[in-house]
């Protein structure tokens, strides 16, 4: 036998194989008077009370805000019909903005309902007891669907501005690899000598794009951000005339929050192209397009200033008109 063969190492006996050891109950220090744990498992989890044609059942499960989940069972239904009277989706709507209630959220809700045998009808989560299924099991199944759906608010709530900047940065890096320069957190001096912070500067051989990101969860702060972008674009408007490549301004709104309204977009529109981040697949790729393919993002060019010579010519013609009329009269 090789000394390296540990399978036959000395000192090991068959009695060391615990899987073959005979069972012998060990002595316990638990007092015979201790409560039976199995009895605790059978304790009542739900508290029921009459509520008109339904039985109101208070569960021990809590929604994300700490309120206990309440379910209802329709009396005299066979098999028993359980529902939440639409409270779960009402709670979810109150904690997510309208812009965030997208098709993705609806799909997640449907997946949860399908997996737990729950159906959605007129905004209410419902289920019947299955064949041979105790009512308590059906309650737990419906409660699980309600809790999982209510937790979706964490995935669809507005994220902090820093998280949005990271997301925009990642999407910009995915643009087609052509001469493309992306600078995050650039600082540019305006004509008034004020230095403005630009969230992103995207450069191609054809143009430069300055991106201002507007993200806030407070209504009053949202308005101030929009006014700040207007001031920055006004002070930096000279860049459109001084640079050989066109310069365009984009104001990117984080429309996943309820702080934003169309009023901020209308305020910014005369000075920068207002874009919704939820629609970035439609406008973000255009930042890397060749100049001759642009037809939408260069709408903000300033109108041509009237030629001074034309103004003087018009003025001279107006001044000469009365004199000509006098000569004709003579």
C-alpha atoms as a PDB file:
ATOM      1  CA  UNK A   1       0.000   0.000   0.000  1.00  0.00           C
ATOM      2  CA  UNK A   2       1.277   3.413  -0.916  1.00  0.00           C
ATOM      3  CA  UNK A   3       1.785   5.765   2.044  1.00  0.00           C
ATOM      4  CA  UNK A   4       0.004   8.428   0.040  1.00  0.00           C
ATOM      5  CA  UNK A   5      -3.167   6.355  -0.205  1.00  0.00           C
ATOM      6  CA  UNK A   6      -5.258   8.111   2.412  1.00  0.00           C
ATOM      7  CA  UNK A   7      -8.291   5.969   1.689  1.00  0.00           C
ATOM      8  CA  UNK A   8      -6.626   3.218   3.705  1.00  0.00           C
ATOM      9  CA  UNK A   9      -4.955   5.471   6.260  1.00  0.00           C
ATOM     10  CA  UNK A  10      -4.364   3.786   9.613  1.00  0.00           C
ATOM     11  CA  UNK A  11      -6.544   4.741  12.487  1.00  0.00           C
ATOM     12  CA  UNK A  12      -9.732   4.848  10.386  1.00  0.00           C
ATOM     13  CA  UNK A  13     -12.316   2.277  11.259  1.00  0.00           C
ATOM     14  CA  UNK A  14     -15.688   1.401   9.873  1.00  0.00           C
ATOM     15  CA  UNK A  15     -17.253   2.735  13.046  1.00  0.00           C
ATOM     16  CA  UNK A  16     -16.237   6.257  12.009  1.00  0.00           C
ATOM     17  CA  UNK A  17     -18.813   6.169   9.191  1.00  0.00           C
ATOM     18  CA  UNK A  18     -21.581   8.198  10.831  1.00  0.00           C
ATOM     19  CA  UNK A  19     -23.993   7.372   8.050  1.00  0.00           C
ATOM     20  CA  UNK A  20     -23.990   3.770   9.308  1.00  0.00           C
ATOM     21  CA  UNK A  21     -24.097   4.616  12.979  1.00  0.00           C
ATOM     22  CA  UNK A  22     -27.122   3.233  14.834  1.00  0.00           C
ATOM     23  CA  UNK A  23     -29.701   5.781  15.924  1.00  0.00           C
ATOM     24  CA  UNK A  24     -29.904   6.429  19.622  1.00  0.00           C
ATOM     25  CA  UNK A  25     -31.950   9.310  21.020  1.00  0.00           C
ATOM     26  CA  UNK A  26     -29.778  11.808  22.791  1.00  0.00           C
ATOM     27  CA  UNK A  27     -30.637  13.063  26.203  1.00  0.00           C
ATOM     28  CA  UNK A  28     -32.346  16.459  26.119  1.00  0.00           C
ATOM     29  CA  UNK A  29     -32.031  19.353  28.487  1.00  0.00           C
ATOM     30  CA  UNK A  30     -35.456  20.668  27.445  1.00  0.00           C
ATOM     31  CA  UNK A  31     -37.925  20.590  30.244  1.00  0.00           C
ATOM     32  CA  UNK A  32     -40.981  18.416  29.674  1.00  0.00           C
ATOM     33  CA  UNK A  33     -43.016  21.478  30.545  1.00  0.00           C
ATOM     34  CA  UNK A  34     -41.604  23.456  27.554  1.00  0.00           C
ATOM     35  CA  UNK A  35     -44.205  24.458  24.925  1.00  0.00           C
ATOM     36  CA  UNK A  36     -44.656  22.192  21.940  1.00  0.00           C
ATOM     37  CA  UNK A  37     -43.079  23.854  18.867  1.00  0.00           C
ATOM     38  CA  UNK A  38     -45.399  21.957  16.560  1.00  0.00           C
ATOM     39  CA  UNK A  39     -48.353  23.531  18.273  1.00  0.00           C
ATOM     40  CA  UNK A  40     -46.845  26.933  17.537  1.00  0.00           C
ATOM     41  CA  UNK A  41     -46.701  26.088  13.836  1.00  0.00           C
ATOM     42  CA  UNK A  42     -50.407  25.435  13.884  1.00  0.00           C
ATOM     43  CA  UNK A  43     -51.173  28.840  15.420  1.00  0.00           C
ATOM     44  CA  UNK A  44     -53.745  30.947  13.645  1.00  0.00           C
ATOM     45  CA  UNK A  45     -52.115  33.315  11.128  1.00  0.00           C
ATOM     46  CA  UNK A  46     -55.211  35.085   9.886  1.00  0.00           C
ATOM     47  CA  UNK A  47     -57.864  37.079  11.680  1.00  0.00           C
ATOM     48  CA  UNK A  48     -61.263  37.176  10.025  1.00  0.00           C
ATOM     49  CA  UNK A  49     -64.306  39.357  10.504  1.00  0.00           C
ATOM     50  CA  UNK A  50     -67.580  39.839   8.687  1.00  0.00           C
ATOM     51  CA  UNK A  51     -67.707  42.638   6.105  1.00  0.00           C
ATOM     52  CA  UNK A  52     -71.018  42.575   4.271  1.00  0.00           C
ATOM     53  CA  UNK A  53     -71.068  39.911   1.566  1.00  0.00           C
ATOM     54  CA  UNK A  54     -67.386  39.228   2.133  1.00  0.00           C
ATOM     55  CA  UNK A  55     -65.156  37.903   4.862  1.00  0.00           C
ATOM     56  CA  UNK A  56     -62.411  40.391   5.685  1.00  0.00           C
ATOM     57  CA  UNK A  57     -59.135  38.631   6.495  1.00  0.00           C
ATOM     58  CA  UNK A  58     -56.221  40.458   8.049  1.00  0.00           C
ATOM     59  CA  UNK A  59     -52.934  38.757   7.214  1.00  0.00           C
ATOM     60  CA  UNK A  60     -49.603  38.972   9.074  1.00  0.00           C
ATOM     61  CA  UNK A  61     -47.889  40.117   5.871  1.00  0.00           C
ATOM     62  CA  UNK A  62     -46.960  43.785   5.414  1.00  0.00           C
ATOM     63  CA  UNK A  63     -46.771  45.953   2.315  1.00  0.00           C
ATOM     64  CA  UNK A  64     -43.524  47.890   1.725  1.00  0.00           C
ATOM     65  CA  UNK A  65     -44.847  50.871   3.717  1.00  0.00           C
ATOM     66  CA  UNK A  66     -45.606  48.683   6.755  1.00  0.00           C
ATOM     67  CA  UNK A  67     -49.396  48.434   6.386  1.00  0.00           C
ATOM     68  CA  UNK A  68     -50.760  44.939   6.876  1.00  0.00           C
ATOM     69  CA  UNK A  69     -52.173  43.245   3.808  1.00  0.00           C
ATOM     70  CA  UNK A  70     -55.927  42.661   3.971  1.00  0.00           C
ATOM     71  CA  UNK A  71     -57.665  40.119   1.735  1.00  0.00           C
ATOM     72  CA  UNK A  72     -61.310  39.236   1.220  1.00  0.00           C
ATOM     73  CA  UNK A  73     -63.272  36.041   0.583  1.00  0.00           C
ATOM     74  CA  UNK A  74     -66.635  36.271  -1.139  1.00  0.00           C
ATOM     75  CA  UNK A  75     -69.264  34.480   0.902  1.00  0.00           C
ATOM     76  CA  UNK A  76     -71.241  31.637  -0.622  1.00  0.00           C
ATOM     77  CA  UNK A  77     -68.789  31.316  -3.547  1.00  0.00           C
ATOM     78  CA  UNK A  78     -67.996  27.770  -4.611  1.00  0.00           C
ATOM     79  CA  UNK A  79     -65.080  27.279  -4.880  1.00  0.00           C
ATOM     80  CA  UNK A  80     -64.175  30.157  -2.544  1.00  0.00           C
ATOM     81  CA  UNK A  81     -63.202  33.334  -4.427  1.00  0.00           C
ATOM     82  CA  UNK A  82     -60.411  35.385  -2.851  1.00  0.00           C
ATOM     83  CA  UNK A  83     -59.403  38.932  -3.792  1.00  0.00           C
ATOM     84  CA  UNK A  84     -57.719  42.125  -2.627  1.00  0.00           C
ATOM     85  CA  UNK A  85     -60.421  44.556  -3.880  1.00  0.00           C
ATOM     86  CA  UNK A  86     -57.777  46.289  -6.014  1.00  0.00           C
ATOM     87  CA  UNK A  87     -55.748  47.550  -3.057  1.00  0.00           C
ATOM     88  CA  UNK A  88     -52.402  46.199  -4.342  1.00  0.00           C
ATOM     89  CA  UNK A  89     -52.500  48.035  -7.675  1.00  0.00           C
ATOM     90  CA  UNK A  90     -53.830  51.187  -5.999  1.00  0.00           C
ATOM     91  CA  UNK A  91     -50.834  51.091  -3.689  1.00  0.00           C
ATOM     92  CA  UNK A  92     -48.474  50.535  -6.621  1.00  0.00           C
ATOM     93  CA  UNK A  93     -49.973  53.422  -8.607  1.00  0.00           C
ATOM     94  CA  UNK A  94     -49.555  55.759  -5.652  1.00  0.00           C
ATOM     95  CA  UNK A  95     -45.841  54.935  -5.434  1.00  0.00           C
ATOM     96  CA  UNK A  96     -44.925  55.009  -9.125  1.00  0.00           C
ATOM     97  CA  UNK A  97     -45.350  57.795 -11.654  1.00  0.00           C
ATOM     98  CA  UNK A  98     -47.574  57.519 -14.695  1.00  0.00           C
ATOM     99  CA  UNK A  99     -44.508  57.630 -16.943  1.00  0.00           C
ATOM    100  CA  UNK A 100     -43.072  54.631 -15.145  1.00  0.00           C
ATOM    101  CA  UNK A 101     -46.167  52.447 -15.505  1.00  0.00           C
ATOM    102  CA  UNK A 102     -44.912  51.082 -18.788  1.00  0.00           C
ATOM    103  CA  UNK A 103     -45.467  47.874 -20.687  1.00  0.00           C
ATOM    104  CA  UNK A 104     -42.511  46.381 -18.827  1.00  0.00           C
ATOM    105  CA  UNK A 105     -44.303  46.825 -15.514  1.00  0.00           C
ATOM    106  CA  UNK A 106     -47.501  45.287 -16.892  1.00  0.00           C
ATOM    107  CA  UNK A 107     -45.518  42.315 -18.131  1.00  0.00           C
ATOM    108  CA  UNK A 108     -43.900  41.782 -14.733  1.00  0.00           C
ATOM    109  CA  UNK A 109     -47.310  41.864 -13.055  1.00  0.00           C
ATOM    110  CA  UNK A 110     -48.667  39.308 -15.508  1.00  0.00           C
ATOM    111  CA  UNK A 111     -45.692  37.008 -14.956  1.00  0.00           C
ATOM    112  CA  UNK A 112     -46.203  37.077 -11.184  1.00  0.00           C
ATOM    113  CA  UNK A 113     -49.925  36.372 -11.506  1.00  0.00           C
ATOM    114  CA  UNK A 114     -49.378  33.486 -13.919  1.00  0.00           C
ATOM    115  CA  UNK A 115     -46.733  31.865 -11.739  1.00  0.00           C
ATOM    116  CA  UNK A 116     -48.955  31.885  -8.655  1.00  0.00           C
ATOM    117  CA  UNK A 117     -52.249  31.029 -10.286  1.00  0.00           C
ATOM    118  CA  UNK A 118     -53.703  34.491  -9.716  1.00  0.00           C
ATOM    119  CA  UNK A 119     -55.642  36.468 -12.323  1.00  0.00           C
ATOM    120  CA  UNK A 120     -56.111  40.199 -12.712  1.00  0.00           C
ATOM    121  CA  UNK A 121     -59.655  41.374 -13.303  1.00  0.00           C
ATOM    122  CA  UNK A 122     -60.683  45.053 -13.376  1.00  0.00           C
ATOM    123  CA  UNK A 123     -57.675  46.033 -11.287  1.00  0.00           C
ATOM    124  CA  UNK A 124     -58.251  43.370  -8.615  1.00  0.00           C
ATOM    125  CA  UNK A 125     -56.060  40.356  -7.906  1.00  0.00           C
ATOM    126  CA  UNK A 126     -58.247  37.254  -7.590  1.00  0.00           C
ATOM    127  CA  UNK A 127     -57.900  33.532  -7.199  1.00  0.00           C
ATOM    128  CA  UNK A 128     -60.058  30.490  -6.427  1.00  0.00           C
ATOM    129  CA  UNK A 129     -59.073  27.703  -4.125  1.00  0.00           C
ATOM    130  CA  UNK A 130     -57.760  24.768  -6.095  1.00  0.00           C
ATOM    131  CA  UNK A 131     -59.146  21.249  -5.815  1.00  0.00           C
ATOM    132  CA  UNK A 132     -58.181  19.921  -2.405  1.00  0.00           C
ATOM    133  CA  UNK A 133     -56.393  23.139  -1.444  1.00  0.00           C
ATOM    134  CA  UNK A 134     -57.107  24.505   2.050  1.00  0.00           C
ATOM    135  CA  UNK A 135     -58.352  28.059   2.239  1.00  0.00           C
ATOM    136  CA  UNK A 136     -55.272  29.099   4.237  1.00  0.00           C
ATOM    137  CA  UNK A 137     -52.981  27.916   1.424  1.00  0.00           C
ATOM    138  CA  UNK A 138     -54.925  29.915  -1.146  1.00  0.00           C
ATOM    139  CA  UNK A 139     -54.670  32.976   1.099  1.00  0.00           C
ATOM    140  CA  UNK A 140     -50.895  32.586   1.312  1.00  0.00           C
ATOM    141  CA  UNK A 141     -50.676  32.181  -2.467  1.00  0.00           C
ATOM    142  CA  UNK A 142     -52.703  35.338  -3.102  1.00  0.00           C
ATOM    143  CA  UNK A 143     -50.786  37.246  -0.429  1.00  0.00           C
ATOM    144  CA  UNK A 144     -47.505  36.263  -2.067  1.00  0.00           C
ATOM    145  CA  UNK A 145     -48.714  37.672  -5.392  1.00  0.00           C
ATOM    146  CA  UNK A 146     -49.795  40.929  -3.736  1.00  0.00           C
ATOM    147  CA  UNK A 147     -46.469  41.380  -1.960  1.00  0.00           C
ATOM    148  CA  UNK A 148     -44.355  40.578  -5.003  1.00  0.00           C
ATOM    149  CA  UNK A 149     -46.326  43.021  -7.155  1.00  0.00           C
ATOM    150  CA  UNK A 150     -46.134  45.780  -4.548  1.00  0.00           C
ATOM    151  CA  UNK A 151     -42.354  45.322  -4.383  1.00  0.00           C
ATOM    152  CA  UNK A 152     -42.104  46.233  -8.070  1.00  0.00           C
ATOM    153  CA  UNK A 153     -42.137  49.891  -7.035  1.00  0.00           C
ATOM    154  CA  UNK A 154     -38.466  49.544  -6.077  1.00  0.00           C
ATOM    155  CA  UNK A 155     -37.529  48.680  -9.660  1.00  0.00           C
ATOM    156  CA  UNK A 156     -39.703  51.338 -11.295  1.00  0.00           C
ATOM    157  CA  UNK A 157     -39.207  54.308  -8.979  1.00  0.00           C
ATOM    158  CA  UNK A 158     -37.092  57.271 -10.133  1.00  0.00           C
ATOM    159  CA  UNK A 159     -33.420  56.810  -9.433  1.00  0.00           C
ATOM    160  CA  UNK A 160     -31.001  59.426  -8.088  1.00  0.00           C
ATOM    161  CA  UNK A 161     -29.354  61.743 -10.583  1.00  0.00           C
ATOM    162  CA  UNK A 162     -25.999  59.982 -10.169  1.00  0.00           C
ATOM    163  CA  UNK A 163     -27.537  56.658 -11.185  1.00  0.00           C
ATOM    164  CA  UNK A 164     -29.128  58.271 -14.238  1.00  0.00           C
ATOM    165  CA  UNK A 165     -25.798  59.830 -15.249  1.00  0.00           C
ATOM    166  CA  UNK A 166     -24.161  56.412 -15.043  1.00  0.00           C
ATOM    167  CA  UNK A 167     -26.920  54.964 -17.210  1.00  0.00           C
ATOM    168  CA  UNK A 168     -26.580  57.709 -19.811  1.00  0.00           C
ATOM    169  CA  UNK A 169     -22.807  57.292 -19.814  1.00  0.00           C
ATOM    170  CA  UNK A 170     -23.157  53.563 -20.457  1.00  0.00           C
ATOM    171  CA  UNK A 171     -25.610  54.133 -23.327  1.00  0.00           C
ATOM    172  CA  UNK A 172     -23.355  56.747 -24.932  1.00  0.00           C
ATOM    173  CA  UNK A 173     -20.448  54.307 -24.867  1.00  0.00           C
ATOM    174  CA  UNK A 174     -22.565  51.876 -26.887  1.00  0.00           C
ATOM    175  CA  UNK A 175     -22.870  54.252 -29.833  1.00  0.00           C
ATOM    176  CA  UNK A 176     -21.226  53.063 -33.087  1.00  0.00           C
ATOM    177  CA  UNK A 177     -17.443  53.189 -32.959  1.00  0.00           C
ATOM    178  CA  UNK A 178     -16.600  56.071 -35.264  1.00  0.00           C
ATOM    179  CA  UNK A 179     -14.601  59.198 -34.386  1.00  0.00           C
ATOM    180  CA  UNK A 180     -16.545  59.897 -31.196  1.00  0.00           C
ATOM    181  CA  UNK A 181     -15.406  61.660 -28.046  1.00  0.00           C
ATOM    182  CA  UNK A 182     -17.468  61.617 -24.847  1.00  0.00           C
ATOM    183  CA  UNK A 183     -16.600  63.906 -21.952  1.00  0.00           C
ATOM    184  CA  UNK A 184     -18.527  63.631 -18.716  1.00  0.00           C
ATOM    185  CA  UNK A 185     -18.757  66.551 -16.321  1.00  0.00           C
ATOM    186  CA  UNK A 186     -17.262  69.176 -18.634  1.00  0.00           C
ATOM    187  CA  UNK A 187     -17.027  72.846 -17.650  1.00  0.00           C
ATOM    188  CA  UNK A 188     -17.370  75.566 -20.296  1.00  0.00           C
ATOM    189  CA  UNK A 189     -17.065  79.334 -19.953  1.00  0.00           C
ATOM    190  CA  UNK A 190     -19.937  81.406 -21.246  1.00  0.00           C
ATOM    191  CA  UNK A 191     -19.881  84.825 -22.870  1.00  0.00           C
ATOM    192  CA  UNK A 192     -20.527  86.395 -19.458  1.00  0.00           C
ATOM    193  CA  UNK A 193     -17.372  84.693 -18.085  1.00  0.00           C
ATOM    194  CA  UNK A 194     -19.575  82.356 -16.019  1.00  0.00           C
ATOM    195  CA  UNK A 195     -18.388  78.741 -16.012  1.00  0.00           C
ATOM    196  CA  UNK A 196     -21.208  76.262 -16.654  1.00  0.00           C
ATOM    197  CA  UNK A 197     -21.249  72.567 -15.846  1.00  0.00           C
ATOM    198  CA  UNK A 198     -22.247  70.362 -18.764  1.00  0.00           C
ATOM    199  CA  UNK A 199     -23.158  66.786 -17.904  1.00  0.00           C
ATOM    200  CA  UNK A 200     -21.900  65.348 -21.213  1.00  0.00           C
ATOM    201  CA  UNK A 201     -20.129  66.699 -24.268  1.00  0.00           C
ATOM    202  CA  UNK A 202     -20.319  64.411 -27.293  1.00  0.00           C
ATOM    203  CA  UNK A 203     -18.006  65.276 -30.181  1.00  0.00           C
ATOM    204  CA  UNK A 204     -17.974  63.958 -33.724  1.00  0.00           C
ATOM    205  CA  UNK A 205     -16.193  65.407 -36.757  1.00  0.00           C
ATOM    206  CA  UNK A 206     -19.494  66.960 -37.844  1.00  0.00           C
ATOM    207  CA  UNK A 207     -20.759  68.570 -34.627  1.00  0.00           C
ATOM    208  CA  UNK A 208     -20.585  68.946 -30.872  1.00  0.00           C
ATOM    209  CA  UNK A 209     -23.511  68.112 -28.594  1.00  0.00           C
ATOM    210  CA  UNK A 210     -23.858  69.447 -25.057  1.00  0.00           C
ATOM    211  CA  UNK A 211     -26.169  67.367 -22.858  1.00  0.00           C
ATOM    212  CA  UNK A 212     -27.804  68.811 -19.765  1.00  0.00           C
ATOM    213  CA  UNK A 213     -29.457  66.174 -17.562  1.00  0.00           C
ATOM    214  CA  UNK A 214     -32.481  67.234 -15.517  1.00  0.00           C
ATOM    215  CA  UNK A 215     -33.321  64.748 -12.747  1.00  0.00           C
ATOM    216  CA  UNK A 216     -35.183  65.543  -9.563  1.00  0.00           C
ATOM    217  CA  UNK A 217     -37.891  64.100  -7.343  1.00  0.00           C
ATOM    218  CA  UNK A 218     -39.111  67.479  -6.047  1.00  0.00           C
ATOM    219  CA  UNK A 219     -41.424  69.701  -8.066  1.00  0.00           C
ATOM    220  CA  UNK A 220     -39.912  72.987  -6.931  1.00  0.00           C
ATOM    221  CA  UNK A 221     -36.392  71.758  -7.666  1.00  0.00           C
ATOM    222  CA  UNK A 222     -37.413  70.638 -11.163  1.00  0.00           C
ATOM    223  CA  UNK A 223     -38.399  74.167 -12.100  1.00  0.00           C
ATOM    224  CA  UNK A 224     -35.090  75.562 -10.870  1.00  0.00           C
ATOM    225  CA  UNK A 225     -33.164  72.997 -12.904  1.00  0.00           C
ATOM    226  CA  UNK A 226     -35.046  73.973 -16.052  1.00  0.00           C
ATOM    227  CA  UNK A 227     -34.341  77.652 -15.455  1.00  0.00           C
ATOM    228  CA  UNK A 228     -30.661  76.842 -14.895  1.00  0.00           C
ATOM    229  CA  UNK A 229     -30.475  75.065 -18.265  1.00  0.00           C
ATOM    230  CA  UNK A 230     -32.108  78.047 -19.980  1.00  0.00           C
ATOM    231  CA  UNK A 231     -29.507  80.382 -18.463  1.00  0.00           C
ATOM    232  CA  UNK A 232     -26.645  78.079 -19.468  1.00  0.00           C
ATOM    233  CA  UNK A 233     -27.818  77.688 -23.058  1.00  0.00           C
ATOM    234  CA  UNK A 234     -28.299  81.443 -23.377  1.00  0.00           C
ATOM    235  CA  UNK A 235     -24.804  82.177 -22.090  1.00  0.00           C
ATOM    236  CA  UNK A 236     -23.245  79.479 -24.286  1.00  0.00           C
ATOM    237  CA  UNK A 237     -25.168  80.360 -27.451  1.00  0.00           C
ATOM    238  CA  UNK A 238     -22.076  82.035 -28.904  1.00  0.00           C
ATOM    239  CA  UNK A 239     -20.525  78.576 -29.369  1.00  0.00           C
ATOM    240  CA  UNK A 240     -22.830  78.029 -32.327  1.00  0.00           C
ATOM    241  CA  UNK A 241     -21.230  80.956 -34.162  1.00  0.00           C
ATOM    242  CA  UNK A 242     -17.592  80.539 -33.133  1.00  0.00           C
ATOM    243  CA  UNK A 243     -17.093  76.858 -33.806  1.00  0.00           C
ATOM    244  CA  UNK A 244     -16.582  75.392 -37.247  1.00  0.00           C
ATOM    245  CA  UNK A 245     -18.728  72.388 -36.353  1.00  0.00           C
ATOM    246  CA  UNK A 246     -22.374  72.887 -35.371  1.00  0.00           C
ATOM    247  CA  UNK A 247     -23.090  72.906 -31.654  1.00  0.00           C
ATOM    248  CA  UNK A 248     -26.439  71.720 -30.390  1.00  0.00           C
ATOM    249  CA  UNK A 249     -27.892  71.707 -26.878  1.00  0.00           C
ATOM    250  CA  UNK A 250     -29.925  68.788 -25.532  1.00  0.00           C
ATOM    251  CA  UNK A 251     -31.917  68.860 -22.280  1.00  0.00           C
ATOM    252  CA  UNK A 252     -32.512  65.282 -21.133  1.00  0.00           C
ATOM    253  CA  UNK A 253     -35.460  64.966 -18.747  1.00  0.00           C
ATOM    254  CA  UNK A 254     -35.695  62.031 -16.355  1.00  0.00           C
ATOM    255  CA  UNK A 255     -39.408  61.579 -16.996  1.00  0.00           C
ATOM    256  CA  UNK A 256     -39.626  58.561 -14.680  1.00  0.00           C
ATOM    257  CA  UNK A 257     -40.434  60.858 -11.759  1.00  0.00           C
ATOM    258  CA  UNK A 258     -43.589  62.846 -11.083  1.00  0.00           C
ATOM    259  CA  UNK A 259     -41.688  66.104 -10.531  1.00  0.00           C
ATOM    260  CA  UNK A 260     -41.629  66.909 -14.247  1.00  0.00           C
ATOM    261  CA  UNK A 261     -44.377  68.302 -16.423  1.00  0.00           C
ATOM    262  CA  UNK A 262     -44.732  69.697 -19.934  1.00  0.00           C
ATOM    263  CA  UNK A 263     -44.215  73.183 -18.510  1.00  0.00           C
ATOM    264  CA  UNK A 264     -40.474  72.543 -18.000  1.00  0.00           C
ATOM    265  CA  UNK A 265     -40.116  71.172 -21.522  1.00  0.00           C
ATOM    266  CA  UNK A 266     -41.846  74.243 -22.977  1.00  0.00           C
ATOM    267  CA  UNK A 267     -39.573  76.490 -20.931  1.00  0.00           C
ATOM    268  CA  UNK A 268     -36.420  74.825 -22.251  1.00  0.00           C
ATOM    269  CA  UNK A 269     -37.576  74.209 -25.848  1.00  0.00           C
ATOM    270  CA  UNK A 270     -36.570  77.609 -27.334  1.00  0.00           C
ATOM    271  CA  UNK A 271     -33.004  77.117 -26.116  1.00  0.00           C
ATOM    272  CA  UNK A 272     -32.345  73.351 -26.237  1.00  0.00           C
ATOM    273  CA  UNK A 273     -33.929  70.243 -27.678  1.00  0.00           C
ATOM    274  CA  UNK A 274     -36.038  68.671 -24.926  1.00  0.00           C
ATOM    275  CA  UNK A 275     -35.649  64.884 -24.841  1.00  0.00           C
ATOM    276  CA  UNK A 276     -37.229  62.297 -22.560  1.00  0.00           C
ATOM    277  CA  UNK A 277     -34.869  59.658 -21.241  1.00  0.00           C
ATOM    278  CA  UNK A 278     -37.583  57.007 -21.484  1.00  0.00           C
ATOM    279  CA  UNK A 279     -37.505  57.596 -25.264  1.00  0.00           C
ATOM    280  CA  UNK A 280     -33.712  57.581 -25.639  1.00  0.00           C
ATOM    281  CA  UNK A 281     -33.669  54.678 -28.154  1.00  0.00           C
ATOM    282  CA  UNK A 282     -35.305  57.056 -30.649  1.00  0.00           C
ATOM    283  CA  UNK A 283     -32.962  60.048 -30.341  1.00  0.00           C
ATOM    284  CA  UNK A 284     -29.706  58.877 -28.747  1.00  0.00           C
ATOM    285  CA  UNK A 285     -28.316  57.045 -31.830  1.00  0.00           C
ATOM    286  CA  UNK A 286     -28.688  60.266 -33.860  1.00  0.00           C
ATOM    287  CA  UNK A 287     -25.824  61.799 -31.881  1.00  0.00           C
ATOM    288  CA  UNK A 288     -23.373  59.626 -33.814  1.00  0.00           C
ATOM    289  CA  UNK A 289     -24.934  60.003 -37.266  1.00  0.00           C
ATOM    290  CA  UNK A 290     -23.024  61.765 -40.076  1.00  0.00           C
ATOM    291  CA  UNK A 291     -23.990  65.376 -40.595  1.00  0.00           C
ATOM    292  CA  UNK A 292     -25.858  64.757 -43.839  1.00  0.00           C
ATOM    293  CA  UNK A 293     -28.181  62.322 -42.063  1.00  0.00           C
ATOM    294  CA  UNK A 294     -29.303  64.826 -39.477  1.00  0.00           C
ATOM    295  CA  UNK A 295     -32.777  66.201 -39.979  1.00  0.00           C
ATOM    296  CA  UNK A 296     -34.261  66.518 -36.532  1.00  0.00           C
ATOM    297  CA  UNK A 297     -31.699  67.554 -33.965  1.00  0.00           C
ATOM    298  CA  UNK A 298     -30.559  70.730 -35.718  1.00  0.00           C
ATOM    299  CA  UNK A 299     -33.879  72.526 -35.530  1.00  0.00           C
ATOM    300  CA  UNK A 300     -32.617  75.036 -33.017  1.00  0.00           C
ATOM    301  CA  UNK A 301     -30.328  77.026 -35.295  1.00  0.00           C
ATOM    302  CA  UNK A 302     -30.749  80.686 -34.663  1.00  0.00           C
ATOM    303  CA  UNK A 303     -32.513  82.655 -37.420  1.00  0.00           C
ATOM    304  CA  UNK A 304     -30.283  84.563 -39.750  1.00  0.00           C
ATOM    305  CA  UNK A 305     -29.725  88.117 -38.647  1.00  0.00           C
ATOM    306  CA  UNK A 306     -30.914  90.698 -41.185  1.00  0.00           C
ATOM    307  CA  UNK A 307     -28.185  92.211 -43.295  1.00  0.00           C
ATOM    308  CA  UNK A 308     -27.331  95.736 -42.200  1.00  0.00           C
ATOM    309  CA  UNK A 309     -26.981  96.884 -45.818  1.00  0.00           C
ATOM    310  CA  UNK A 310     -30.491  95.631 -46.549  1.00  0.00           C
ATOM    311  CA  UNK A 311     -31.797  97.544 -43.542  1.00  0.00           C
ATOM    312  CA  UNK A 312     -30.102 100.748 -44.732  1.00  0.00           C
ATOM    313  CA  UNK A 313     -31.399 100.205 -48.262  1.00  0.00           C
ATOM    314  CA  UNK A 314     -34.948  99.856 -46.985  1.00  0.00           C
ATOM    315  CA  UNK A 315     -34.544 102.949 -44.837  1.00  0.00           C
ATOM    316  CA  UNK A 316     -33.166 105.000 -47.770  1.00  0.00           C
ATOM    317  CA  UNK A 317     -36.025 103.896 -49.987  1.00  0.00           C
ATOM    318  CA  UNK A 318     -38.502 105.002 -47.347  1.00  0.00           C
ATOM    319  CA  UNK A 319     -36.760 108.364 -47.036  1.00  0.00           C
ATOM    320  CA  UNK A 320     -36.721 108.901 -50.797  1.00  0.00           C
ATOM    321  CA  UNK A 321     -40.380 108.056 -51.272  1.00  0.00           C
ATOM    322  CA  UNK A 322     -41.788 111.391 -50.009  1.00  0.00           C
ATOM    323  CA  UNK A 323     -39.252 113.355 -52.042  1.00  0.00           C
ATOM    324  CA  UNK A 324     -40.235 111.514 -55.212  1.00  0.00           C
ATOM    325  CA  UNK A 325     -43.864 112.207 -54.487  1.00  0.00           C
ATOM    326  CA  UNK A 326     -43.109 115.925 -54.036  1.00  0.00           C
ATOM    327  CA  UNK A 327     -41.254 116.060 -57.346  1.00  0.00           C
ATOM    328  CA  UNK A 328     -44.187 114.443 -59.096  1.00  0.00           C
ATOM    329  CA  UNK A 329     -46.534 116.969 -57.584  1.00  0.00           C
ATOM    330  CA  UNK A 330     -44.359 119.838 -58.826  1.00  0.00           C
END
